[in-house]
Amino acid sequence: MKKCKNCINSSNNPSITFSQDGLCVVCARYKQQLNMNKLKEELKFVKSFSQMKGKYNAMVGISGGKDSTATLFTVKEMGFKSLAFTFDIGYTEKNIFSRSKEVAQKIGTDFKKINIKKYINNNDRKSFEMTADLYDEVENSQLKKKFKTIYIKNRKTYSTKDDIAYPFIRPCQICRKVVIKAYYAEALKRGVSIVFIGINEWVGLSNQTFSAIRKLQPFPNKNPVYIVHLPFLLQRSSEDIKPILKKIGWKKPINDLFIETGAGACYFARACEDKSKKMLGFHIDSTRLSREITAGFINKEQAKKAIKNYKKTTKSVRQVLQEAEIIN
């Protein structure tokens, strides 16, 4: 088995290849292609939106966790009049909404909880159902092969433009298809052109462009909306945000590990991670955590600890999605 010298990617993951110098293909490309001048230009572009008129000139997605809290604070410091928001799709921990509202109040911004189930289209709903069917199957050698085959297929249909009904190993891939649509619609509804999120990695994952900004414009006759991964744009590390959190009196939620897998506050992810790890031979969030290592936000030991201590549940994927009223 090959392991990346820099991150936690390994050859257990069939989508990962390696360069001759012992780096996974992601770390190798990042090392060669990251353009800091591009990020400086992007930051200048982002700051220009702070001059826009209206009740709000930005929206900031928050969960009350460390990354989004620091992001909301920084956006305010940059001079934006922002609306903090938390999307509700039905399977996130309920305390996220009260926690997010409290954080917004501390920082002095308006807050809104937004139900996004209306953005689930027919193919999304079929994908949720097919994913529940997949995770219902009995664990055996045939299912292991099936999981790996589907995982590889999922990697090829990562783009949200691929509107297909298909089972997904990683719950984030289905959720992302819904969330992207919600970002665009909710921003347009409020006359906002920029949405900040506290994700600590680049966009353009399919072609490794290493940008901090995703442009959404599904309808050419409507204005674009720009999604900004602020921690990546500012090239922050997890240590960089600690003074911000201390300044505003942020307290780590009970049982929060500071660096977590997707199961940290999402019951859908929590229901998937244990079984998928058994079937695949690696943790499905290892690629995301590896990108955070690659970008310099966390280190290898923090990622390993998150993978070792991920939260679990006795509920099945089907039970979680049924309770969320997404499938019957």
Foldseek 3Di string as FASTA:
>chain_A
DAAAPQAGDGVLQVVWDADPVRHIPLLVCCVVADDLVQLVVVVVVVLVQLPDDAQFQEEEEFQLALLSLLVVLVCVVSNTQYEYEYEPLQFFAPVSQVSSCVSCVLSPHHYDYHYQVVLQDPLLLLQLVQQLVLLPDDDDLVNLVVLSVQAVVCLVVQDLVPSHRHHYLAPVSSVVNSVVVVQFVVCVVRVYAEYEYRQQFDPPVVPSNGHQWDWDDPDPVDDIHIYGNVCLSVLAALVVSVVVCVVSVRDHDPPDPSDAFPQRGGVLNQQRQPVSCVSSVHGPRSVSNRRNSSSRHYGRVSSVVRRVDHHHDPDHNVRSCVSSVSHD
